[in-house]
PDB file of N, CA and C in Angstrom:
ATOM      1  N   MET A   1     -45.000 138.555 102.108  1.00  0.00           N
ATOM      2  CA  MET A   1     -44.296 137.267 101.329  1.00  0.00           C
ATOM      3  C   MET A   1     -42.764 137.706 100.771  1.00  0.00           C
ATOM      4  N   LYS A   2     -42.803 138.780 100.251  1.00  0.00           N
ATOM      5  CA  LYS A   2     -41.590 139.509  99.716  1.00  0.00           C
ATOM      6  C   LYS A   2     -40.473 139.499 100.642  1.00  0.00           C
ATOM      7  N   ARG A   3     -40.952 139.766 102.336  1.00  0.00           N
ATOM      8  CA  ARG A   3     -39.894 139.867 103.130  1.00  0.00           C
ATOM      9  C   ARG A   3     -39.249 138.384 103.752  1.00  0.00           C
ATOM     10  N   ARG A   4     -40.012 137.583 103.571  1.00  0.00           N
ATOM     11  CA  ARG A   4     -39.448 135.986 103.583  1.00  0.00           C
ATOM     12  C   ARG A   4     -38.349 135.822 102.663  1.00  0.00           C
ATOM     13  N   THR A   5     -38.784 136.125 101.832  1.00  0.00           N
ATOM     14  CA  THR A   5     -37.748 135.785 100.418  1.00  0.00           C
ATOM     15  C   THR A   5     -36.337 136.692 100.345  1.00  0.00           C
ATOM     16  N   PHE A   6     -36.447 137.704 100.873  1.00  0.00           N
ATOM     17  CA  PHE A   6     -35.601 138.693 101.280  1.00  0.00           C
ATOM     18  C   PHE A   6     -34.547 138.100 101.995  1.00  0.00           C
ATOM     19  N   ILE A   7     -35.306 137.554 103.256  1.00  0.00           N
ATOM     20  CA  ILE A   7     -34.307 137.105 104.322  1.00  0.00           C
ATOM     21  C   ILE A   7     -34.047 135.942 104.121  1.00  0.00           C
ATOM     22  N   SER A   8     -34.357 134.913 103.400  1.00  0.00           N
ATOM     23  CA  SER A   8     -33.792 133.634 103.137  1.00  0.00           C
ATOM     24  C   SER A   8     -32.713 133.851 102.250  1.00  0.00           C
ATOM     25  N   LEU A   9     -32.666 135.115 101.202  1.00  0.00           N
ATOM     26  CA  LEU A   9     -31.889 135.213 100.337  1.00  0.00           C
ATOM     27  C   LEU A   9     -30.667 135.636 101.234  1.00  0.00           C
ATOM     28  N   ILE A  10     -30.849 136.622 101.856  1.00  0.00           N
ATOM     29  CA  ILE A  10     -29.795 136.980 102.870  1.00  0.00           C
ATOM     30  C   ILE A  10     -28.898 136.328 103.705  1.00  0.00           C
ATOM     31  N   GLY A  11     -29.720 134.966 104.402  1.00  0.00           N
ATOM     32  CA  GLY A  11     -29.349 133.959 104.861  1.00  0.00           C
ATOM     33  C   GLY A  11     -28.687 133.090 104.170  1.00  0.00           C
ATOM     34  N   GLY A  12     -29.040 132.687 102.891  1.00  0.00           N
ATOM     35  CA  GLY A  12     -28.370 132.024 101.965  1.00  0.00           C
ATOM     36  C   GLY A  12     -26.997 132.333 101.666  1.00  0.00           C
ATOM     37  N   ALA A  13     -27.136 133.579 101.535  1.00  0.00           N
ATOM     38  CA  ALA A  13     -25.503 134.494 101.032  1.00  0.00           C
ATOM     39  C   ALA A  13     -24.577 134.708 102.329  1.00  0.00           C
ATOM     40  N   ALA A  14     -25.080 134.493 103.119  1.00  0.00           N
ATOM     41  CA  ALA A  14     -24.571 134.789 104.483  1.00  0.00           C
ATOM     42  C   ALA A  14     -23.949 133.446 104.759  1.00  0.00           C
ATOM     43  N   ALA A  15     -24.743 132.025 104.671  1.00  0.00           N
ATOM     44  CA  ALA A  15     -24.239 130.767 104.475  1.00  0.00           C
ATOM     45  C   ALA A  15     -23.060 130.729 103.780  1.00  0.00           C
ATOM     46  N   ALA A  16     -23.078 130.900 102.370  1.00  0.00           N
ATOM     47  CA  ALA A  16     -22.497 130.516 101.135  1.00  0.00           C
ATOM     48  C   ALA A  16     -20.771 131.295 101.377  1.00  0.00           C
ATOM     49  N   TRP A  17     -20.888 132.819 101.766  1.00  0.00           N
ATOM     50  CA  TRP A  17     -20.034 133.412 101.795  1.00  0.00           C
ATOM     51  C   TRP A  17     -18.512 133.435 102.278  1.00  0.00           C
ATOM     52  N   PRO A  18     -18.589 131.998 103.504  1.00  0.00           N
ATOM     53  CA  PRO A  18     -17.092 131.483 103.598  1.00  0.00           C
ATOM     54  C   PRO A  18     -16.477 130.587 102.880  1.00  0.00           C
ATOM     55  N   LEU A  19     -17.807 129.773 102.498  1.00  0.00           N
ATOM     56  CA  LEU A  19     -16.967 129.039 101.234  1.00  0.00           C
ATOM     57  C   LEU A  19     -16.156 129.793 100.140  1.00  0.00           C
ATOM     58  N   ALA A  20     -17.212 130.632  99.516  1.00  0.00           N
ATOM     59  CA  ALA A  20     -16.854 131.677  98.827  1.00  0.00           C
ATOM     60  C   ALA A  20     -14.829 131.886  99.030  1.00  0.00           C
ATOM     61  N   ALA A  21     -15.105 132.427 100.146  1.00  0.00           N
ATOM     62  CA  ALA A  21     -13.498 132.974 100.480  1.00  0.00           C
ATOM     63  C   ALA A  21     -12.559 132.155 100.915  1.00  0.00           C
ATOM     64  N   ARG A  22     -12.879 130.769 101.126  1.00  0.00           N
ATOM     65  CA  ARG A  22     -11.906 129.577 101.145  1.00  0.00           C
ATOM     66  C   ARG A  22     -11.416 129.161  99.933  1.00  0.00           C
ATOM     67  N   ALA A  23     -12.367 129.115  99.134  1.00  0.00           N
ATOM     68  CA  ALA A  23     -12.037 129.142  97.538  1.00  0.00           C
ATOM     69  C   ALA A  23     -11.249 129.631  97.120  1.00  0.00           C
ATOM     70  N   GLN A  24     -11.254 131.115  97.235  1.00  0.00           N
ATOM     71  CA  GLN A  24     -10.169 131.855  96.473  1.00  0.00           C
ATOM     72  C   GLN A  24      -8.882 132.209  97.432  1.00  0.00           C
ATOM     73  N   GLN A  25      -8.733 131.466  98.127  1.00  0.00           N
ATOM     74  CA  GLN A  25      -7.458 131.607  98.878  1.00  0.00           C
ATOM     75  C   GLN A  25      -6.569 130.697  98.043  1.00  0.00           C
ATOM     76  N   ALA A  26      -5.110 131.521  97.989  1.00  0.00           N
ATOM     77  CA  ALA A  26      -3.944 130.767  97.406  1.00  0.00           C
ATOM     78  C   ALA A  26      -3.375 128.993  97.595  1.00  0.00           C
ATOM     79  N   ALA A  27      -3.374 128.312  96.837  1.00  0.00           N
ATOM     80  CA  ALA A  27      -3.009 127.211  96.659  1.00  0.00           C
ATOM     81  C   ALA A  27      -1.864 127.118  98.131  1.00  0.00           C
ATOM     82  N   VAL A  28      -1.900 125.955  98.580  1.00  0.00           N
ATOM     83  CA  VAL A  28      -1.056 125.518  99.536  1.00  0.00           C
ATOM     84  C   VAL A  28       0.279 124.831  98.965  1.00  0.00           C
ATOM     85  N   PRO A  29       1.134 125.360  99.733  1.00  0.00           N
ATOM     86  CA  PRO A  29       2.553 124.351  98.548  1.00  0.00           C
ATOM     87  C   PRO A  29       2.848 123.381  98.677  1.00  0.00           C
ATOM     88  N   VAL A  30       3.429 122.690  98.084  1.00  0.00           N
ATOM     89  CA  VAL A  30       4.021 121.459  98.216  1.00  0.00           C
ATOM     90  C   VAL A  30       5.117 121.045  97.834  1.00  0.00           C
ATOM     91  N   VAL A  31       5.571 120.632  99.221  1.00  0.00           N
ATOM     92  CA  VAL A  31       7.305 120.240  99.198  1.00  0.00           C
ATOM     93  C   VAL A  31       7.230 118.513  98.517  1.00  0.00           C
ATOM     94  N   GLY A  32       8.001 118.311  97.614  1.00  0.00           N
ATOM     95  CA  GLY A  32       8.001 116.997  97.131  1.00  0.00           C
ATOM     96  C   GLY A  32       9.234 116.358  97.946  1.00  0.00           C
ATOM     97  N   PHE A  33       8.954 115.136  98.633  1.00  0.00           N
ATOM     98  CA  PHE A  33      10.171 114.658  99.446  1.00  0.00           C
ATOM     99  C   PHE A  33      10.485 112.879  98.580  1.00  0.00           C
ATOM    100  N   PHE A  34      11.764 113.036  98.635  1.00  0.00           N
ATOM    101  CA  PHE A  34      12.241 111.517  97.845  1.00  0.00           C
ATOM    102  C   PHE A  34      13.455 111.310  98.663  1.00  0.00           C
ATOM    103  N   SER A  35      12.903 109.950  99.258  1.00  0.00           N
ATOM    104  CA  SER A  35      14.536 109.426  99.352  1.00  0.00           C
ATOM    105  C   SER A  35      15.091 108.234  98.820  1.00  0.00           C
ATOM    106  N   PHE A  36      16.527 107.497  99.059  1.00  0.00           N
ATOM    107  CA  PHE A  36      16.773 106.774  98.366  1.00  0.00           C
ATOM    108  C   PHE A  36      16.429 105.283  99.637  1.00  0.00           C
ATOM    109  N   LEU A  37      16.182 105.770 101.018  1.00  0.00           N
ATOM    110  CA  LEU A  37      15.767 104.617 101.393  1.00  0.00           C
ATOM    111  C   LEU A  37      14.107 104.084 102.066  1.00  0.00           C
ATOM    112  N   SER A  38      13.876 103.692 102.749  1.00  0.00           N
ATOM    113  CA  SER A  38      12.623 103.152 103.262  1.00  0.00           C
ATOM    114  C   SER A  38      12.316 104.248 104.433  1.00  0.00           C
ATOM    115  N   PRO A  39      10.952 104.080 104.440  1.00  0.00           N
ATOM    116  CA  PRO A  39      10.588 105.369 105.926  1.00  0.00           C
ATOM    117  C   PRO A  39      11.054 104.927 106.843  1.00  0.00           C
ATOM    118  N   GLY A  40      11.498 103.952 107.371  1.00  0.00           N
ATOM    119  CA  GLY A  40      12.004 103.509 108.633  1.00  0.00           C
ATOM    120  C   GLY A  40      12.987 104.167 108.907  1.00  0.00           C
ATOM    121  N   PRO A  41      13.993 103.472 107.697  1.00  0.00           N
ATOM    122  CA  PRO A  41      15.083 103.784 108.522  1.00  0.00           C
ATOM    123  C   PRO A  41      15.865 105.416 108.531  1.00  0.00           C
ATOM    124  N   SER A  42      14.854 106.025 107.504  1.00  0.00           N
ATOM    125  CA  SER A  42      14.897 107.788 107.522  1.00  0.00           C
ATOM    126  C   SER A  42      14.027 108.398 108.475  1.00  0.00           C
ATOM    127  N   ALA A  43      13.502 107.492 109.349  1.00  0.00           N
ATOM    128  CA  ALA A  43      12.425 108.425 110.694  1.00  0.00           C
ATOM    129  C   ALA A  43      13.340 109.390 111.537  1.00  0.00           C
ATOM    130  N   PRO A  44      14.667 109.120 111.658  1.00  0.00           N
ATOM    131  CA  PRO A  44      15.414 110.292 112.758  1.00  0.00           C
ATOM    132  C   PRO A  44      15.438 111.639 111.753  1.00  0.00           C
ATOM    133  N   HIS A  45      15.899 111.617 110.596  1.00  0.00           N
ATOM    134  CA  HIS A  45      16.443 112.419 110.033  1.00  0.00           C
ATOM    135  C   HIS A  45      14.980 113.300 108.966  1.00  0.00           C
ATOM    136  N   LEU A  46      13.914 112.430 109.077  1.00  0.00           N
ATOM    137  CA  LEU A  46      12.390 112.844 108.396  1.00  0.00           C
ATOM    138  C   LEU A  46      11.860 114.069 109.828  1.00  0.00           C
ATOM    139  N   SER A  47      12.138 113.108 111.126  1.00  0.00           N
ATOM    140  CA  SER A  47      11.542 113.682 111.853  1.00  0.00           C
ATOM    141  C   SER A  47      12.510 114.933 112.582  1.00  0.00           C
ATOM    142  N   ALA A  48      13.596 114.917 111.966  1.00  0.00           N
ATOM    143  CA  ALA A  48      14.337 116.289 112.661  1.00  0.00           C
ATOM    144  C   ALA A  48      13.874 117.490 111.337  1.00  0.00           C
ATOM    145  N   TYR A  49      13.640 117.067 109.816  1.00  0.00           N
ATOM    146  CA  TYR A  49      13.147 118.122 108.927  1.00  0.00           C
ATOM    147  C   TYR A  49      11.741 118.543 108.953  1.00  0.00           C
ATOM    148  N   LEU A  50      10.941 117.696 109.510  1.00  0.00           N
ATOM    149  CA  LEU A  50       9.820 117.918 109.965  1.00  0.00           C
ATOM    150  C   LEU A  50       9.432 119.155 110.964  1.00  0.00           C
ATOM    151  N   ARG A  51      10.019 118.711 112.481  1.00  0.00           N
ATOM    152  CA  ARG A  51      10.558 119.716 113.667  1.00  0.00           C
ATOM    153  C   ARG A  51      11.056 120.808 112.799  1.00  0.00           C
ATOM    154  N   GLY A  52      12.246 121.335 111.711  1.00  0.00           N
ATOM    155  CA  GLY A  52      12.450 122.553 111.386  1.00  0.00           C
ATOM    156  C   GLY A  52      11.464 122.964 110.679  1.00  0.00           C
ATOM    157  N   LEU A  53      10.563 122.275 109.889  1.00  0.00           N
ATOM    158  CA  LEU A  53       9.458 122.925 108.998  1.00  0.00           C
ATOM    159  C   LEU A  53       8.639 123.593 109.816  1.00  0.00           C
ATOM    160  N   ASN A  54       8.595 123.216 111.222  1.00  0.00           N
ATOM    161  CA  ASN A  54       7.101 123.626 111.949  1.00  0.00           C
ATOM    162  C   ASN A  54       8.104 124.647 112.810  1.00  0.00           C
ATOM    163  N   GLU A  55       9.747 125.027 113.141  1.00  0.00           N
ATOM    164  CA  GLU A  55      10.041 125.787 114.068  1.00  0.00           C
ATOM    165  C   GLU A  55       9.639 127.102 112.877  1.00  0.00           C
ATOM    166  N   GLU A  56       9.723 127.239 111.508  1.00  0.00           N
ATOM    167  CA  GLU A  56       9.343 127.949 110.616  1.00  0.00           C
ATOM    168  C   GLU A  56       7.980 128.243 110.111  1.00  0.00           C
ATOM    169  N   GLY A  57       6.908 127.566 111.089  1.00  0.00           N
ATOM    170  CA  GLY A  57       6.015 128.019 110.760  1.00  0.00           C
ATOM    171  C   GLY A  57       5.169 127.364 109.299  1.00  0.00           C
ATOM    172  N   TYR A  58       5.927 126.116 108.623  1.00  0.00           N
ATOM    173  CA  TYR A  58       5.381 125.580 108.547  1.00  0.00           C
ATOM    174  C   TYR A  58       4.919 123.948 108.647  1.00  0.00           C
ATOM    175  N   ILE A  59       3.359 123.813 108.778  1.00  0.00           N
ATOM    176  CA  ILE A  59       2.626 122.943 109.502  1.00  0.00           C
ATOM    177  C   ILE A  59       2.049 122.029 108.560  1.00  0.00           C
ATOM    178  N   GLU A  60       2.544 120.956 108.160  1.00  0.00           N
ATOM    179  CA  GLU A  60       2.020 119.972 107.458  1.00  0.00           C
ATOM    180  C   GLU A  60       0.484 119.574 107.426  1.00  0.00           C
ATOM    181  N   GLY A  61      -0.043 119.700 106.384  1.00  0.00           N
ATOM    182  CA  GLY A  61      -1.421 119.693 106.508  1.00  0.00           C
ATOM    183  C   GLY A  61      -2.138 120.988 106.572  1.00  0.00           C
ATOM    184  N   GLN A  62      -1.728 121.861 107.191  1.00  0.00           N
ATOM    185  CA  GLN A  62      -2.474 123.417 107.070  1.00  0.00           C
ATOM    186  C   GLN A  62      -1.994 124.283 106.220  1.00  0.00           C
ATOM    187  N   ASN A  63      -0.551 124.909 105.899  1.00  0.00           N
ATOM    188  CA  ASN A  63      -0.450 125.690 105.522  1.00  0.00           C
ATOM    189  C   ASN A  63       0.962 124.994 104.253  1.00  0.00           C
ATOM    190  N   VAL A  64       1.414 123.807 104.629  1.00  0.00           N
ATOM    191  CA  VAL A  64       2.037 122.908 103.934  1.00  0.00           C
ATOM    192  C   VAL A  64       1.185 121.488 103.371  1.00  0.00           C
ATOM    193  N   GLY A  65       1.968 121.267 102.200  1.00  0.00           N
ATOM    194  CA  GLY A  65       1.654 119.718 101.895  1.00  0.00           C
ATOM    195  C   GLY A  65       3.026 119.072 101.362  1.00  0.00           C
ATOM    196  N   ILE A  66       3.283 117.623 101.989  1.00  0.00           N
ATOM    197  CA  ILE A  66       4.029 116.799 101.644  1.00  0.00           C
ATOM    198  C   ILE A  66       3.883 115.543 101.139  1.00  0.00           C
ATOM    199  N   ASP A  67       4.662 115.311  99.634  1.00  0.00           N
ATOM    200  CA  ASP A  67       4.040 114.591  98.683  1.00  0.00           C
ATOM    201  C   ASP A  67       5.445 113.797  98.994  1.00  0.00           C
ATOM    202  N   PHE A  68       5.522 112.332 100.047  1.00  0.00           N
ATOM    203  CA  PHE A  68       6.759 111.489 100.102  1.00  0.00           C
ATOM    204  C   PHE A  68       6.896 110.563  98.851  1.00  0.00           C
ATOM    205  N   ARG A  69       7.739 110.268  98.939  1.00  0.00           N
ATOM    206  CA  ARG A  69       8.594 109.379  97.698  1.00  0.00           C
ATOM    207  C   ARG A  69       9.368 108.485  98.609  1.00  0.00           C
ATOM    208  N   TRP A  70       9.280 106.984  98.343  1.00  0.00           N
ATOM    209  CA  TRP A  70      10.466 106.383  99.018  1.00  0.00           C
ATOM    210  C   TRP A  70      10.891 105.355  97.910  1.00  0.00           C
ATOM    211  N   ALA A  71      12.631 105.030  97.326  1.00  0.00           N
ATOM    212  CA  ALA A  71      12.735 104.314  96.383  1.00  0.00           C
ATOM    213  C   ALA A  71      13.263 102.950  97.522  1.00  0.00           C
ATOM    214  N   GLU A  72      12.930 102.287  98.658  1.00  0.00           N
ATOM    215  CA  GLU A  72      12.971 101.112  99.459  1.00  0.00           C
ATOM    216  C   GLU A  72      14.267 100.697  99.076  1.00  0.00           C
ATOM    217  N   GLY A  73      15.637 101.569  99.114  1.00  0.00           N
ATOM    218  CA  GLY A  73      16.889 101.199  98.594  1.00  0.00           C
ATOM    219  C   GLY A  73      17.260 100.592  97.073  1.00  0.00           C
ATOM    220  N   ARG A  74      16.587 101.049  96.194  1.00  0.00           N
ATOM    221  CA  ARG A  74      16.231 100.381  94.796  1.00  0.00           C
ATOM    222  C   ARG A  74      16.528 101.898  93.910  1.00  0.00           C
ATOM    223  N   SER A  75      18.056 101.769  93.513  1.00  0.00           N
ATOM    224  CA  SER A  75      18.403 103.053  92.694  1.00  0.00           C
ATOM    225  C   SER A  75      17.902 103.601  91.178  1.00  0.00           C
ATOM    226  N   ASP A  76      17.210 101.998  91.064  1.00  0.00           N
ATOM    227  CA  ASP A  76      17.074 102.537  89.487  1.00  0.00           C
ATOM    228  C   ASP A  76      15.270 102.987  89.671  1.00  0.00           C
ATOM    229  N   ARG A  77      14.637 103.172  90.891  1.00  0.00           N
ATOM    230  CA  ARG A  77      13.709 103.818  91.127  1.00  0.00           C
ATOM    231  C   ARG A  77      13.578 105.122  90.798  1.00  0.00           C
ATOM    232  N   LEU A  78      14.880 105.650  91.133  1.00  0.00           N
ATOM    233  CA  LEU A  78      14.990 107.087  91.504  1.00  0.00           C
ATOM    234  C   LEU A  78      14.500 108.143  90.574  1.00  0.00           C
ATOM    235  N   PRO A  79      14.864 107.811  89.331  1.00  0.00           N
ATOM    236  CA  PRO A  79      14.323 108.790  87.959  1.00  0.00           C
ATOM    237  C   PRO A  79      12.973 108.700  87.916  1.00  0.00           C
ATOM    238  N   GLU A  80      12.462 107.441  88.013  1.00  0.00           N
ATOM    239  CA  GLU A  80      10.719 107.145  87.854  1.00  0.00           C
ATOM    240  C   GLU A  80      10.187 107.948  89.394  1.00  0.00           C
ATOM    241  N   LEU A  81      10.963 108.390  90.088  1.00  0.00           N
ATOM    242  CA  LEU A  81      10.455 108.944  91.521  1.00  0.00           C
ATOM    243  C   LEU A  81      10.427 110.848  91.091  1.00  0.00           C
ATOM    244  N   ALA A  82      11.595 110.826  90.931  1.00  0.00           N
ATOM    245  CA  ALA A  82      11.866 112.269  90.704  1.00  0.00           C
ATOM    246  C   ALA A  82      10.593 112.419  89.306  1.00  0.00           C
ATOM    247  N   ALA A  83      10.236 111.768  88.407  1.00  0.00           N
ATOM    248  CA  ALA A  83       9.669 112.172  87.175  1.00  0.00           C
ATOM    249  C   ALA A  83       8.447 112.380  88.229  1.00  0.00           C
ATOM    250  N   ASP A  84       7.977 111.638  88.680  1.00  0.00           N
ATOM    251  CA  ASP A  84       6.890 111.626  89.262  1.00  0.00           C
ATOM    252  C   ASP A  84       6.151 112.666  89.874  1.00  0.00           C
ATOM    253  N   LEU A  85       7.386 113.701  91.007  1.00  0.00           N
ATOM    254  CA  LEU A  85       7.388 114.967  91.544  1.00  0.00           C
ATOM    255  C   LEU A  85       7.434 115.979  90.509  1.00  0.00           C
ATOM    256  N   VAL A  86       7.591 115.633  89.395  1.00  0.00           N
ATOM    257  CA  VAL A  86       7.939 116.662  88.646  1.00  0.00           C
ATOM    258  C   VAL A  86       6.622 117.246  87.614  1.00  0.00           C
ATOM    259  N   ARG A  87       6.285 115.896  87.498  1.00  0.00           N
ATOM    260  CA  ARG A  87       4.908 116.123  86.755  1.00  0.00           C
ATOM    261  C   ARG A  87       3.492 116.803  87.953  1.00  0.00           C
ATOM    262  N   ARG A  88       4.084 116.177  89.016  1.00  0.00           N
ATOM    263  CA  ARG A  88       2.648 116.715  90.034  1.00  0.00           C
ATOM    264  C   ARG A  88       3.179 118.584  90.105  1.00  0.00           C
ATOM    265  N   ARG A  89       4.123 118.849  89.888  1.00  0.00           N
ATOM    266  CA  ARG A  89       4.406 120.060  89.731  1.00  0.00           C
ATOM    267  C   ARG A  89       4.404 120.805  91.625  1.00  0.00           C
ATOM    268  N   VAL A  90       4.970 119.670  91.944  1.00  0.00           N
ATOM    269  CA  VAL A  90       5.586 120.515  93.418  1.00  0.00           C
ATOM    270  C   VAL A  90       6.232 121.566  93.513  1.00  0.00           C
ATOM    271  N   SER A  91       6.033 122.487  94.543  1.00  0.00           N
ATOM    272  CA  SER A  91       7.004 123.388  94.720  1.00  0.00           C
ATOM    273  C   SER A  91       8.160 123.412  95.130  1.00  0.00           C
ATOM    274  N   VAL A  92       8.633 122.709  95.387  1.00  0.00           N
ATOM    275  CA  VAL A  92      10.006 122.327  95.645  1.00  0.00           C
ATOM    276  C   VAL A  92      10.299 121.133  95.952  1.00  0.00           C
ATOM    277  N   ILE A  93      11.457 120.221  95.695  1.00  0.00           N
ATOM    278  CA  ILE A  93      11.924 118.658  95.606  1.00  0.00           C
ATOM    279  C   ILE A  93      13.111 118.713  96.755  1.00  0.00           C
ATOM    280  N   VAL A  94      13.076 117.897  97.818  1.00  0.00           N
ATOM    281  CA  VAL A  94      13.616 117.729  98.904  1.00  0.00           C
ATOM    282  C   VAL A  94      13.936 116.493  99.335  1.00  0.00           C
ATOM    283  N   THR A  95      15.905 116.218  98.928  1.00  0.00           N
ATOM    284  CA  THR A  95      16.144 114.774  99.131  1.00  0.00           C
ATOM    285  C   THR A  95      17.444 115.318 100.409  1.00  0.00           C
ATOM    286  N   PRO A  96      17.378 113.814 101.029  1.00  0.00           N
ATOM    287  CA  PRO A  96      18.227 113.975 101.892  1.00  0.00           C
ATOM    288  C   PRO A  96      19.919 113.321 101.499  1.00  0.00           C
ATOM    289  N   ALA A  97      19.601 112.617 100.109  1.00  0.00           N
ATOM    290  CA  ALA A  97      21.098 112.393  99.453  1.00  0.00           C
ATOM    291  C   ALA A  97      21.480 112.357  98.673  1.00  0.00           C
ATOM    292  N   ALA A  98      22.649 112.879  98.347  1.00  0.00           N
ATOM    293  CA  ALA A  98      22.911 113.369  97.448  1.00  0.00           C
ATOM    294  C   ALA A  98      22.490 112.243  96.048  1.00  0.00           C
ATOM    295  N   VAL A  99      22.321 111.478  96.188  1.00  0.00           N
ATOM    296  CA  VAL A  99      22.020 110.206  94.836  1.00  0.00           C
ATOM    297  C   VAL A  99      20.908 110.306  94.308  1.00  0.00           C
ATOM    298  N   SER A 100      19.808 110.863  95.617  1.00  0.00           N
ATOM    299  CA  SER A 100      18.508 110.898  95.244  1.00  0.00           C
ATOM    300  C   SER A 100      18.384 112.424  94.280  1.00  0.00           C
ATOM    301  N   GLY A 101      18.829 113.320  94.506  1.00  0.00           N
ATOM    302  CA  GLY A 101      19.088 115.037  94.364  1.00  0.00           C
ATOM    303  C   GLY A 101      19.863 114.370  93.182  1.00  0.00           C
ATOM    304  N   ARG A 102      20.429 114.086  92.466  1.00  0.00           N
ATOM    305  CA  ARG A 102      21.333 113.726  91.347  1.00  0.00           C
ATOM    306  C   ARG A 102      19.724 113.188  90.451  1.00  0.00           C
ATOM    307  N   ALA A 103      19.389 112.474  90.891  1.00  0.00           N
ATOM    308  CA  ALA A 103      18.540 112.031  89.823  1.00  0.00           C
ATOM    309  C   ALA A 103      17.589 112.877  89.718  1.00  0.00           C
ATOM    310  N   ALA A 104      17.144 113.788  90.571  1.00  0.00           N
ATOM    311  CA  ALA A 104      15.869 114.785  90.249  1.00  0.00           C
ATOM    312  C   ALA A 104      16.355 116.245  89.265  1.00  0.00           C
ATOM    313  N   MET A 105      18.210 115.786  89.305  1.00  0.00           N
ATOM    314  CA  MET A 105      18.536 117.262  88.916  1.00  0.00           C
ATOM    315  C   MET A 105      18.653 116.622  87.094  1.00  0.00           C
ATOM    316  N   CYS A 106      18.949 115.449  87.235  1.00  0.00           N
ATOM    317  CA  CYS A 106      19.002 115.095  85.636  1.00  0.00           C
ATOM    318  C   CYS A 106      17.228 115.053  85.175  1.00  0.00           C
ATOM    319  N   TYR A 107      16.527 114.418  85.584  1.00  0.00           N
ATOM    320  CA  TYR A 107      15.193 113.864  84.949  1.00  0.00           C
ATOM    321  C   TYR A 107      14.786 115.648  84.360  1.00  0.00           C
ATOM    322  N   ARG A 108      15.154 116.641  85.651  1.00  0.00           N
ATOM    323  CA  ARG A 108      14.589 118.018  85.472  1.00  0.00           C
ATOM    324  C   ARG A 108      15.282 118.639  84.254  1.00  0.00           C
ATOM    325  N   TYR A 109      16.582 118.365  84.305  1.00  0.00           N
ATOM    326  CA  TYR A 109      17.465 118.699  82.883  1.00  0.00           C
ATOM    327  C   TYR A 109      17.225 118.227  81.848  1.00  0.00           C
ATOM    328  N   SER A 110      16.770 116.690  81.699  1.00  0.00           N
ATOM    329  CA  SER A 110      16.671 116.200  80.134  1.00  0.00           C
ATOM    330  C   SER A 110      15.329 116.786  79.883  1.00  0.00           C
ATOM    331  N   GLU A 111      14.226 116.986  81.339  1.00  0.00           N
ATOM    332  CA  GLU A 111      13.149 117.374  80.345  1.00  0.00           C
ATOM    333  C   GLU A 111      12.616 118.710  79.706  1.00  0.00           C
ATOM    334  N   VAL A 112      13.674 119.718  79.936  1.00  0.00           N
ATOM    335  CA  VAL A 112      13.516 121.165  79.596  1.00  0.00           C
ATOM    336  C   VAL A 112      14.564 121.098  78.495  1.00  0.00           C
ATOM    337  N   SER A 113      15.829 120.155  78.207  1.00  0.00           N
ATOM    338  CA  SER A 113      16.800 120.202  77.108  1.00  0.00           C
ATOM    339  C   SER A 113      16.944 118.721  76.484  1.00  0.00           C
ATOM    340  N   ASN A 114      18.093 119.091  76.083  1.00  0.00           N
ATOM    341  CA  ASN A 114      17.936 118.112  74.754  1.00  0.00           C
ATOM    342  C   ASN A 114      18.943 117.133  75.551  1.00  0.00           C
ATOM    343  N   ARG A 115      18.274 116.013  75.736  1.00  0.00           N
ATOM    344  CA  ARG A 115      19.149 115.037  76.328  1.00  0.00           C
ATOM    345  C   ARG A 115      20.577 114.492  75.804  1.00  0.00           C
ATOM    346  N   SER A 116      21.230 114.896  75.271  1.00  0.00           N
ATOM    347  CA  SER A 116      22.174 114.500  74.017  1.00  0.00           C
ATOM    348  C   SER A 116      23.178 115.236  75.243  1.00  0.00           C
ATOM    349  N   ALA A 117      23.021 116.525  75.630  1.00  0.00           N
ATOM    350  CA  ALA A 117      23.795 117.574  75.909  1.00  0.00           C
ATOM    351  C   ALA A 117      23.769 117.553  78.069  1.00  0.00           C
ATOM    352  N   ALA A 118      23.084 116.568  78.275  1.00  0.00           N
ATOM    353  CA  ALA A 118      23.089 116.462  79.640  1.00  0.00           C
ATOM    354  C   ALA A 118      24.364 116.465  80.273  1.00  0.00           C
ATOM    355  N   PRO A 119      24.584 116.850  81.008  1.00  0.00           N
ATOM    356  CA  PRO A 119      25.519 116.579  82.152  1.00  0.00           C
ATOM    357  C   PRO A 119      26.656 115.423  82.527  1.00  0.00           C
ATOM    358  N   ALA A 120      27.584 114.744  82.460  1.00  0.00           N
ATOM    359  CA  ALA A 120      28.075 113.135  82.415  1.00  0.00           C
ATOM    360  C   ALA A 120      27.464 112.783  83.695  1.00  0.00           C
ATOM    361  N   SER A 121      27.487 113.474  84.608  1.00  0.00           N
ATOM    362  CA  SER A 121      27.013 112.475  86.004  1.00  0.00           C
ATOM    363  C   SER A 121      25.458 112.161  85.572  1.00  0.00           C
ATOM    364  N   CYS A 122      25.056 112.636  84.317  1.00  0.00           N
ATOM    365  CA  CYS A 122      23.773 112.199  84.694  1.00  0.00           C
ATOM    366  C   CYS A 122      23.740 110.581  83.565  1.00  0.00           C
TER     367      CYS A 122
END
C-alpha cells in the first residue's frame, strides 16, 4: 500500500512540474501600438512593422504581445488611447505618426509632473 502511495505522489509531482515551471517564466513584453488611422489604411505599415519584429525574433503571441488601439481618424481619441496604454503598463508604446506620439508623450508627462508645467506642444 505504501508503495502505491509513493508512486502516485511521484507521478503527480512529475505531471505538475511543467506547469510550475511555466508559471515561473518571465512575463512576455507587451507593445502598445496606437495610430490616428483605422486598421485598414494602416495595413501596409503594420504589416512591415510586424515583419520587422519577426526578423528580430519577436513573434506576436509567442514571445511578445501587442495591444492595438485605433483612433479611427478622430484626434480627440488620442489622449484616451494613450492613457489606456499607459494604465496597462505596456513595455513600450509605438506609433507610426507624430500626432499619436505627441499625445502619448503629453499624457505621460502630465501623469508624472505638474500639468501646468507641460510643454507648449501639449
